[in-house]
Amino acid sequence: MLCISVYIAAPLLMSIIATIHHNIDYTTVTYENMFRKCIQPVTTVTGITAIIVYCFYYFATSNNILISIKKSINNNKTYIVFVLVTLFMVASYKYNGANYFTIFGAANLGESFYIKVKYFVLLLPVGMIIADEKIKRGLLRSLMIVSDFMVPVAFFLWKTQLTSHYFTDWQPAFTCIFTNINYYGYFLSIVTSLSAAMFVIERETIWKRAALFSLVLNTVALSFDNTMGAWIGCLFACIFNIIVFHMRDGHGNKAAIFAFEIFVITLILTGIFNGFMINNIKMLLTDIGLIAFDPMSEEAMAAGSGRWILWVNSMKLIKENPLFGIGHEGIIANRLYEVIGLNRPHNEYIEYALFYGIPAGVLYFTGCFSVYMRALKEKAKLDDLTMVALVSAFGYLVGAFFGLTLYCTTPYLFIMLGLGYVHLEKS
């Protein structure tokens, strides 16, 4: 709880600091320093301590340690997949060698190799450990409240933030505490999906209204943020929200349907007001048409705000480096900007395959998918709060087809996957 709480508190603290200074250069440096010097060490210590204590208690109270280990492996095959992802990442690291970017990360992306591995070996297990309903509900509500606070901050900074002295191509935008609208979009895909699911499961009137308010507020922010990948992710999450409750309960859920309707109506009305909706739909349909009819044409290569050419060029490099990839932040380390077009392929599944090899990419996708298959298989044990976490993670995972990993957004995916991990037994 302490480990995850630090991640939830981080954007709140940074939002307060950003409203005081409203300088993007200050925000960029401060947020990354906050993570590197404070959040990462504190969460590492608390997370490792939690896992050690949990394992010690589990094995200390078992009659036969070998049988307990075997039982743990059999009950957690889903997590074994993520362990294999980590092993392939380490093998890629050994094969491609260390450099500045593997140790310290690249620019404002802030992900060293250590931080990337931490997602799998620390954040995911820490979330999995939490089974107590009160703690899980408190964490999910807290993140929802923090996201509400960030929306007015985003509007305030949009109009008051000073132009950067270091990023010459950067202009004030609806980015909140992040440096790019896409980055805020990744965060919104988590919290908007979270709000939609919380509205379904909350029983107290005050919290149900709070979840509805959060859904509307974050959807408005989503529209102004104007990140198409996040729009798509949240749309699919709201649909998934309807499906998952229907599958578990055996009948339709009116609250889930209502949440979907509120999301769509709010997105459309806000999109008409700010003028983004129609333009984005036109662009999406045009891009799909260009790729479908002539995927290698010059026009198609510009599809998805230039993402299609990034994916095509990345696939060529993956083909040349199939087993261990080009290494962590290999595009920057190997000066492959001109080959790819940017320092990331803007597709997280391609990113894992490109950096760490095809096996790592396939296993990562399989691991995420298996969390949901586990929930489907054990739907009798699937409680409300676990479903909320799964819906929240689903919004991010769909948007991940158009995004990239980031030190201040990706942790929330792994936290939600952990909280959405179905427990087969109380112990």
Protein backbone atom coordinates (compact mmCIF):
# COMPACT_ATOMS: atom_id res chain seq x y z
CA MET A 1 0.00 0.00 0.00
CA LEU A 2 2.80 2.40 0.88
CA CYS A 3 4.67 1.61 -2.34
CA ILE A 4 1.64 2.26 -4.55
CA SER A 5 0.54 5.29 -2.51
CA VAL A 6 3.80 7.05 -3.36
CA TYR A 7 3.04 6.70 -7.08
CA ILE A 8 -0.48 8.03 -6.52
CA ALA A 9 0.78 11.02 -4.53
CA ALA A 10 3.48 11.94 -7.09
CA PRO A 11 1.26 13.61 -9.76
CA LEU A 12 -0.68 15.44 -7.01
CA LEU A 13 2.51 16.90 -5.54
CA MET A 14 3.84 17.80 -8.97
CA SER A 15 0.55 19.46 -9.92
CA ILE A 16 0.81 21.73 -6.88
CA ILE A 17 4.43 22.59 -7.68
CA ALA A 18 3.59 23.21 -11.35
CA THR A 19 0.81 25.68 -10.53
CA ILE A 20 3.24 27.69 -8.42
CA HIS A 21 6.04 27.88 -11.01
CA HIS A 22 4.07 27.21 -14.26
CA ASN A 23 7.36 26.86 -16.13
CA ILE A 24 7.69 23.77 -18.36
CA ASP A 25 11.49 23.66 -17.93
CA TYR A 26 11.14 23.68 -14.15
CA THR A 27 8.36 21.07 -14.30
CA THR A 28 10.33 18.76 -16.60
CA VAL A 29 13.46 18.78 -14.45
CA THR A 30 11.63 18.68 -11.10
CA TYR A 31 9.33 15.76 -11.96
CA GLU A 32 12.12 13.58 -13.27
CA ASN A 33 14.34 14.46 -10.30
CA MET A 34 11.47 13.70 -7.93
CA PHE A 35 11.15 10.23 -9.42
CA ARG A 36 14.87 9.54 -9.61
CA LYS A 37 15.90 10.85 -6.18
CA CYS A 38 12.82 10.17 -4.08
CA ILE A 39 10.04 8.05 -5.61
CA GLN A 40 12.21 5.31 -7.11
CA PRO A 41 14.31 4.69 -3.93
CA VAL A 42 11.30 4.84 -1.58
CA THR A 43 9.13 2.55 -3.70
CA THR A 44 12.02 0.15 -4.23
CA VAL A 45 12.65 -0.19 -0.49
CA THR A 46 8.96 -0.46 0.47
CA GLY A 47 8.20 -2.80 -2.44
CA ILE A 48 11.09 -5.18 -1.76
CA THR A 49 10.26 -5.19 1.95
CA ALA A 50 6.61 -6.03 1.20
CA ILE A 51 7.54 -8.91 -1.11
CA ILE A 52 10.10 -10.35 1.35
CA VAL A 53 7.67 -10.18 4.28
CA TYR A 54 4.86 -11.65 2.18
CA CYS A 55 7.00 -14.57 0.98
CA PHE A 56 8.40 -15.17 4.45
CA TYR A 57 4.90 -15.33 5.93
CA TYR A 58 3.63 -17.57 3.13
CA PHE A 59 6.41 -20.15 3.49
CA ALA A 60 6.69 -19.85 7.29
CA THR A 61 3.05 -20.82 7.67
CA SER A 62 3.23 -23.72 5.20
CA ASN A 63 3.70 -27.32 6.30
CA ASN A 64 5.93 -28.25 3.36
CA ILE A 65 8.00 -25.57 1.60
CA LEU A 66 8.59 -27.62 -1.57
CA ILE A 67 4.88 -28.31 -1.95
CA SER A 68 4.14 -24.61 -1.32
CA ILE A 69 6.62 -23.56 -4.02
CA LYS A 70 5.10 -26.01 -6.50
CA LYS A 71 1.61 -24.81 -5.59
CA SER A 72 2.66 -21.17 -6.02
CA ILE A 73 4.04 -21.86 -9.48
CA ASN A 74 0.93 -23.79 -10.54
CA ASN A 75 -1.36 -21.02 -9.24
CA ASN A 76 0.63 -18.20 -10.84
CA LYS A 77 1.52 -19.30 -14.36
CA THR A 78 0.41 -15.87 -15.55
CA TYR A 79 3.17 -14.18 -13.57
CA ILE A 80 5.73 -16.74 -14.80
CA VAL A 81 5.20 -15.26 -18.28
CA PHE A 82 6.27 -11.84 -16.99
CA VAL A 83 9.29 -13.45 -15.31
CA LEU A 84 10.28 -14.82 -18.73
CA VAL A 85 9.88 -11.33 -20.23
CA THR A 86 12.32 -10.03 -17.62
CA LEU A 87 14.82 -12.80 -18.35
CA PHE A 88 14.80 -11.97 -22.06
CA MET A 89 15.23 -8.28 -21.23
CA VAL A 90 18.28 -9.13 -19.11
CA ALA A 91 19.64 -11.36 -21.90
CA SER A 92 19.20 -8.47 -24.35
CA TYR A 93 21.00 -6.16 -21.91
CA LYS A 94 23.93 -8.60 -21.66
CA TYR A 95 24.03 -9.15 -25.43
CA ASN A 96 23.84 -5.49 -26.47
CA GLY A 97 25.94 -4.14 -23.62
CA ALA A 98 25.48 -1.23 -21.22
CA ASN A 99 25.68 2.44 -22.17
CA TYR A 100 24.66 5.79 -20.76
CA PHE A 101 21.02 5.35 -21.78
CA THR A 102 20.62 1.90 -20.20
CA ILE A 103 21.94 3.27 -16.91
CA PHE A 104 20.31 6.72 -16.81
CA GLY A 105 17.54 6.62 -19.40
CA ALA A 106 16.95 8.90 -22.36
CA ALA A 107 16.08 12.59 -22.02
CA ASN A 108 12.64 13.24 -20.48
CA LEU A 109 11.50 9.63 -21.04
CA GLY A 110 13.29 8.89 -17.76
CA GLU A 111 13.45 5.10 -18.10
CA SER A 112 16.69 3.40 -17.24
CA PHE A 113 16.92 -0.35 -17.78
CA TYR A 114 16.56 -0.78 -14.00
CA ILE A 115 13.25 1.13 -14.00
CA LYS A 116 11.93 -0.92 -16.92
CA VAL A 117 12.74 -4.18 -15.11
CA LYS A 118 11.25 -2.78 -11.90
CA TYR A 119 7.82 -2.71 -13.55
CA PHE A 120 7.86 -6.51 -13.81
CA VAL A 121 9.72 -7.65 -10.69
CA LEU A 122 8.41 -5.08 -8.20
CA LEU A 123 5.34 -3.03 -9.19
CA LEU A 124 3.37 -5.93 -10.62
CA PRO A 125 3.96 -8.27 -7.62
CA VAL A 126 3.26 -5.45 -5.13
CA GLY A 127 -0.13 -4.91 -6.74
CA MET A 128 -0.75 -8.67 -6.79
CA ILE A 129 -0.10 -8.95 -3.05
CA ILE A 130 -2.91 -6.55 -2.13
CA ALA A 131 -6.11 -8.52 -1.54
CA ASP A 132 -7.65 -6.45 1.26
CA GLU A 133 -10.80 -4.79 -0.08
CA LYS A 134 -10.50 -1.61 2.01
CA ILE A 135 -6.91 -0.98 0.92
CA LYS A 136 -7.63 -1.68 -2.73
CA ARG A 137 -10.71 0.55 -2.72
CA GLY A 138 -8.77 3.32 -0.97
CA LEU A 139 -5.97 3.21 -3.55
CA LEU A 140 -8.36 3.28 -6.52
CA ARG A 141 -10.43 6.11 -5.06
CA SER A 142 -7.27 8.08 -4.27
CA LEU A 143 -6.00 7.87 -7.85
CA MET A 144 -9.42 8.95 -9.11
CA ILE A 145 -9.43 12.00 -6.81
CA VAL A 146 -5.87 12.93 -7.83
CA SER A 147 -6.89 12.79 -11.50
CA ASP A 148 -9.77 15.20 -10.76
CA PHE A 149 -7.36 17.71 -9.24
CA MET A 150 -5.11 17.50 -12.30
CA VAL A 151 -7.79 18.60 -14.79
CA PRO A 152 -8.12 22.24 -13.61
CA VAL A 153 -4.33 22.30 -13.27
CA ALA A 154 -4.09 21.28 -16.95
CA PHE A 155 -6.40 24.15 -17.98
CA PHE A 156 -4.49 26.61 -15.80
CA LEU A 157 -1.08 25.61 -17.14
CA TRP A 158 -2.36 25.57 -20.73
CA LYS A 159 -2.96 29.32 -20.51
CA THR A 160 -0.15 30.37 -18.17
CA GLN A 161 2.81 28.06 -18.78
CA LEU A 162 5.94 29.79 -20.04
CA THR A 163 7.61 28.83 -23.31
CA SER A 164 10.61 26.55 -22.91
CA HIS A 165 14.13 27.93 -23.08
CA TYR A 166 15.57 24.50 -23.94
CA PHE A 167 12.97 22.76 -26.13
CA THR A 168 12.79 25.21 -29.00
CA ASP A 169 9.94 23.37 -30.74
CA TRP A 170 7.80 23.17 -27.57
CA GLN A 171 4.76 25.39 -27.17
CA PRO A 172 2.28 25.54 -24.27
CA ALA A 173 -0.37 22.85 -24.75
CA PHE A 174 -2.93 20.88 -22.76
CA THR A 175 -0.27 18.68 -21.16
CA CYS A 176 -0.88 19.22 -17.41
CA ILE A 177 2.37 18.18 -15.61
CA PHE A 178 3.72 16.31 -18.65
CA THR A 179 5.78 17.60 -21.57
CA ASN A 180 3.61 16.19 -24.34
CA ILE A 181 -0.14 15.84 -24.94
CA ASN A 182 0.42 12.15 -25.69
CA TYR A 183 1.95 11.62 -22.23
CA TYR A 184 -1.05 13.17 -20.48
CA GLY A 185 -3.20 11.04 -22.79
CA TYR A 186 -1.55 7.86 -21.47
CA PHE A 187 -2.40 8.89 -17.92
CA LEU A 188 -5.95 9.85 -18.90
CA SER A 189 -6.52 6.47 -20.54
CA ILE A 190 -5.91 4.89 -17.11
CA VAL A 191 -7.96 7.28 -14.96
CA THR A 192 -10.89 7.82 -17.33
CA SER A 193 -11.34 4.05 -17.64
CA LEU A 194 -10.96 3.79 -13.86
CA SER A 195 -13.73 6.34 -13.26
CA ALA A 196 -16.13 4.54 -15.62
CA ALA A 197 -15.61 1.26 -13.77
CA MET A 198 -15.75 2.85 -10.30
CA PHE A 199 -19.14 4.34 -11.17
CA VAL A 200 -20.44 0.81 -11.75
CA ILE A 201 -19.23 -0.77 -8.51
CA GLU A 202 -19.67 2.06 -5.99
CA ARG A 203 -22.65 1.51 -3.69
CA GLU A 204 -22.53 4.70 -1.60
CA THR A 205 -24.31 7.61 -3.30
CA ILE A 206 -21.55 10.12 -2.60
CA TRP A 207 -18.85 7.92 -4.14
CA LYS A 208 -21.04 6.96 -7.09
CA ARG A 209 -21.56 10.64 -7.85
CA ALA A 210 -17.85 11.28 -7.34
CA ALA A 211 -17.01 8.58 -9.90
CA LEU A 212 -19.51 10.04 -12.39
CA PHE A 213 -18.05 13.52 -11.85
CA SER A 214 -14.55 12.12 -12.38
CA LEU A 215 -15.64 10.35 -15.58
CA VAL A 216 -17.10 13.56 -17.04
CA LEU A 217 -14.16 15.71 -15.92
CA ASN A 218 -11.49 13.37 -17.28
CA THR A 219 -13.41 12.88 -20.54
CA VAL A 220 -13.49 16.64 -21.03
CA ALA A 221 -9.73 16.68 -20.40
CA LEU A 222 -9.34 13.78 -22.83
CA SER A 223 -11.06 15.79 -25.55
CA PHE A 224 -8.93 18.89 -25.01
CA ASP A 225 -5.79 16.75 -24.74
CA ASN A 226 -6.60 15.62 -28.30
CA THR A 227 -4.65 12.34 -28.22
CA MET A 228 -6.45 9.95 -30.56
CA GLY A 229 -4.83 6.82 -29.14
CA ALA A 230 -6.11 7.68 -25.65
CA TRP A 231 -9.60 8.34 -27.06
CA ILE A 232 -9.64 4.89 -28.64
CA GLY A 233 -8.27 3.26 -25.48
CA CYS A 234 -10.97 4.81 -23.26
CA LEU A 235 -13.73 3.99 -25.76
CA PHE A 236 -12.74 0.32 -25.82
CA ALA A 237 -12.37 0.32 -22.01
CA CYS A 238 -15.94 1.59 -21.60
CA ILE A 239 -17.17 -1.13 -23.97
CA PHE A 240 -15.07 -3.69 -22.10
CA ASN A 241 -16.62 -2.37 -18.88
CA ILE A 242 -20.05 -3.43 -20.17
CA ILE A 243 -18.84 -6.80 -21.42
CA VAL A 244 -16.88 -7.85 -18.32
CA PHE A 245 -19.75 -7.20 -15.90
CA HIS A 246 -22.18 -8.99 -18.23
CA MET A 247 -19.86 -12.02 -18.47
CA ARG A 248 -19.41 -12.28 -14.72
CA ASP A 249 -22.99 -11.59 -13.64
CA GLY A 250 -24.79 -13.20 -16.58
CA HIS A 251 -26.87 -10.11 -17.36
CA GLY A 252 -26.43 -6.55 -18.57
CA ASN A 253 -25.34 -3.84 -16.15
CA LYS A 254 -27.29 -0.59 -16.49
CA ALA A 255 -24.61 1.44 -14.71
CA ALA A 256 -21.92 0.22 -17.13
CA ILE A 257 -24.12 1.10 -20.12
CA PHE A 258 -24.86 4.51 -18.59
CA ALA A 259 -21.13 5.14 -18.04
CA PHE A 260 -20.49 4.34 -21.71
CA GLU A 261 -23.25 6.73 -22.80
CA ILE A 262 -21.95 9.52 -20.56
CA PHE A 263 -18.41 9.02 -21.91
CA VAL A 264 -19.52 9.16 -25.56
CA ILE A 265 -21.89 12.11 -25.08
CA THR A 266 -19.30 14.11 -23.11
CA LEU A 267 -16.58 13.38 -25.66
CA ILE A 268 -18.82 14.37 -28.59
CA LEU A 269 -20.18 17.57 -27.01
CA THR A 270 -16.74 18.69 -25.84
CA GLY A 271 -15.28 17.73 -29.23
CA ILE A 272 -17.87 19.83 -31.04
CA PHE A 273 -17.18 22.74 -28.69
CA ASN A 274 -13.40 22.71 -29.19
CA GLY A 275 -13.51 21.55 -32.83
CA PHE A 276 -11.30 18.48 -32.36
CA MET A 277 -13.88 15.71 -32.80
CA ILE A 278 -14.75 16.07 -36.50
CA ASN A 279 -11.16 16.67 -37.60
CA ASN A 280 -9.91 13.62 -35.71
CA ILE A 281 -12.59 11.32 -37.11
CA LYS A 282 -11.86 12.52 -40.64
CA MET A 283 -8.13 11.99 -40.12
CA LEU A 284 -8.67 8.50 -38.65
CA LEU A 285 -10.87 7.36 -41.55
CA THR A 286 -8.46 8.84 -44.11
CA ASP A 287 -5.45 7.15 -42.50
CA ILE A 288 -7.22 3.77 -42.39
CA GLY A 289 -8.10 4.12 -46.07
CA LEU A 290 -4.56 5.03 -47.10
CA ILE A 291 -3.04 2.09 -45.22
CA ALA A 292 -5.68 -0.36 -46.48
CA PHE A 293 -5.31 0.51 -50.18
CA ASP A 294 -1.57 1.22 -50.46
CA PRO A 295 0.33 0.71 -47.16
CA MET A 296 3.73 1.56 -48.66
CA SER A 297 2.72 4.79 -50.39
CA GLU A 298 4.17 8.12 -49.33
CA GLU A 299 0.75 9.29 -48.14
CA ALA A 300 0.24 6.14 -46.04
CA MET A 301 3.63 6.57 -44.38
CA ALA A 302 2.36 9.82 -42.83
CA ALA A 303 -0.71 8.07 -41.37
CA GLY A 304 -1.31 8.15 -37.64
CA SER A 305 0.65 11.39 -37.25
CA GLY A 306 3.63 9.62 -38.81
CA ARG A 307 3.29 6.44 -36.76
CA TRP A 308 2.86 4.10 -39.70
CA ILE A 309 6.33 4.84 -41.06
CA LEU A 310 7.75 4.39 -37.55
CA TRP A 311 6.16 0.95 -37.35
CA VAL A 312 7.29 -0.09 -40.83
CA ASN A 313 10.89 0.98 -40.18
CA SER A 314 10.86 -0.63 -36.73
CA MET A 315 9.68 -3.95 -38.16
CA LYS A 316 12.63 -3.92 -40.56
CA LEU A 317 15.04 -3.52 -37.63
CA ILE A 318 13.24 -6.20 -35.64
CA LYS A 319 13.68 -8.58 -38.57
CA GLU A 320 17.42 -7.84 -38.55
CA ASN A 321 17.69 -8.28 -34.75
CA PRO A 322 15.05 -10.91 -33.92
CA LEU A 323 16.36 -12.60 -30.78
CA PHE A 324 17.78 -9.86 -28.53
CA GLY A 325 16.69 -6.67 -30.30
CA ILE A 326 18.78 -3.52 -30.51
CA GLY A 327 19.00 -2.99 -26.74
CA HIS A 328 17.31 -0.69 -24.23
CA GLU A 329 16.90 2.76 -25.84
CA GLY A 330 18.75 1.23 -28.79
CA ILE A 331 17.44 3.80 -31.26
CA ILE A 332 19.26 6.60 -29.42
CA ALA A 333 22.27 4.54 -28.35
CA ASN A 334 22.88 3.30 -31.91
CA ARG A 335 21.94 6.62 -33.53
CA LEU A 336 19.09 5.12 -35.54
CA TYR A 337 16.92 8.25 -35.55
CA GLU A 338 17.07 8.57 -39.33
CA VAL A 339 16.22 4.90 -39.83
CA ILE A 340 13.21 4.91 -37.48
CA GLY A 341 12.18 8.55 -37.58
CA LEU A 342 11.96 9.10 -33.77
CA ASN A 343 13.56 7.71 -30.60
CA ARG A 344 10.61 5.35 -29.96
CA PRO A 345 8.35 3.41 -32.37
CA HIS A 346 5.19 4.77 -30.65
CA ASN A 347 3.75 1.30 -30.18
CA GLU A 348 4.63 -0.36 -26.88
CA TYR A 349 4.34 -3.90 -28.20
CA ILE A 350 6.69 -3.12 -31.08
CA GLU A 351 8.92 -1.25 -28.60
CA TYR A 352 9.47 -4.38 -26.49
CA ALA A 353 10.22 -6.48 -29.59
CA LEU A 354 12.55 -3.82 -31.02
CA PHE A 355 14.51 -3.19 -27.81
CA TYR A 356 14.63 -6.70 -26.33
CA GLY A 357 13.81 -9.10 -29.16
CA ILE A 358 10.76 -10.83 -30.60
CA PRO A 359 10.46 -13.38 -27.73
CA ALA A 360 10.27 -10.53 -25.19
CA GLY A 361 7.67 -8.69 -27.28
CA VAL A 362 5.52 -11.80 -27.74
CA LEU A 363 5.81 -12.75 -24.06
CA TYR A 364 4.90 -9.22 -22.94
CA PHE A 365 1.73 -9.25 -25.02
CA THR A 366 0.99 -12.81 -23.84
CA GLY A 367 1.49 -11.84 -20.20
CA CYS A 368 -0.92 -8.90 -20.41
CA PHE A 369 -3.44 -11.06 -22.27
CA SER A 370 -3.10 -13.89 -19.75
CA VAL A 371 -4.06 -11.60 -16.85
CA TYR A 372 -7.45 -11.25 -18.53
CA MET A 373 -7.66 -14.93 -19.42
CA ARG A 374 -6.97 -15.73 -15.77
CA ALA A 375 -9.86 -13.44 -14.76
CA LEU A 376 -12.14 -15.12 -17.33
CA LYS A 377 -11.21 -18.60 -16.15
CA GLU A 378 -11.68 -17.68 -12.49
CA LYS A 379 -14.64 -15.33 -12.94
CA ALA A 380 -16.35 -16.87 -9.91
CA LYS A 381 -13.55 -15.31 -7.80
CA LEU A 382 -13.58 -12.01 -9.72
CA ASP A 383 -14.64 -9.29 -7.26
CA ASP A 384 -15.74 -5.75 -8.15
CA LEU A 385 -12.51 -3.93 -7.32
CA THR A 386 -10.39 -6.42 -9.27
CA MET A 387 -12.62 -5.82 -12.29
CA VAL A 388 -12.18 -2.06 -11.89
CA ALA A 389 -8.40 -2.46 -12.07
CA LEU A 390 -8.71 -4.69 -15.15
CA VAL A 391 -10.91 -2.13 -16.94
CA SER A 392 -8.47 0.66 -16.05
CA ALA A 393 -5.48 -1.31 -17.37
CA PHE A 394 -7.45 -2.24 -20.51
CA GLY A 395 -7.81 1.41 -21.49
CA TYR A 396 -4.03 1.83 -21.32
CA LEU A 397 -3.28 -1.44 -23.12
CA VAL A 398 -5.45 -0.50 -26.11
CA GLY A 399 -3.92 2.98 -26.25
CA ALA A 400 -0.48 1.33 -26.00
CA PHE A 401 -0.78 0.37 -29.68
CA PHE A 402 -0.13 4.07 -30.36
CA GLY A 403 2.06 5.00 -27.37
CA LEU A 404 5.34 4.51 -25.59
CA THR A 405 6.51 3.63 -22.09
CA LEU A 406 7.35 6.50 -19.75
CA TYR A 407 8.69 6.69 -16.19
CA CYS A 408 5.68 8.69 -14.94
CA THR A 409 2.81 6.90 -16.74
CA THR A 410 3.71 3.23 -17.31
CA PRO A 411 3.93 2.41 -13.56
CA TYR A 412 0.15 2.86 -13.32
CA LEU A 413 -0.39 0.13 -15.91
CA PHE A 414 1.57 -2.41 -13.88
CA ILE A 415 -0.08 -1.30 -10.65
CA MET A 416 -3.50 -1.86 -12.24
CA LEU A 417 -2.48 -5.21 -13.72
CA GLY A 418 -1.32 -6.23 -10.24
CA LEU A 419 -4.53 -5.06 -8.56
CA GLY A 420 -6.46 -6.82 -11.32
CA TYR A 421 -4.73 -10.13 -10.68
CA VAL A 422 -7.33 -12.64 -9.50
CA HIS A 423 -6.49 -14.36 -6.21
CA LEU A 424 -7.18 -18.08 -6.21
CA GLU A 425 -7.13 -18.32 -2.43
CA LYS A 426 -6.94 -15.91 0.50
CA SER A 427 -3.41 -16.93 1.54
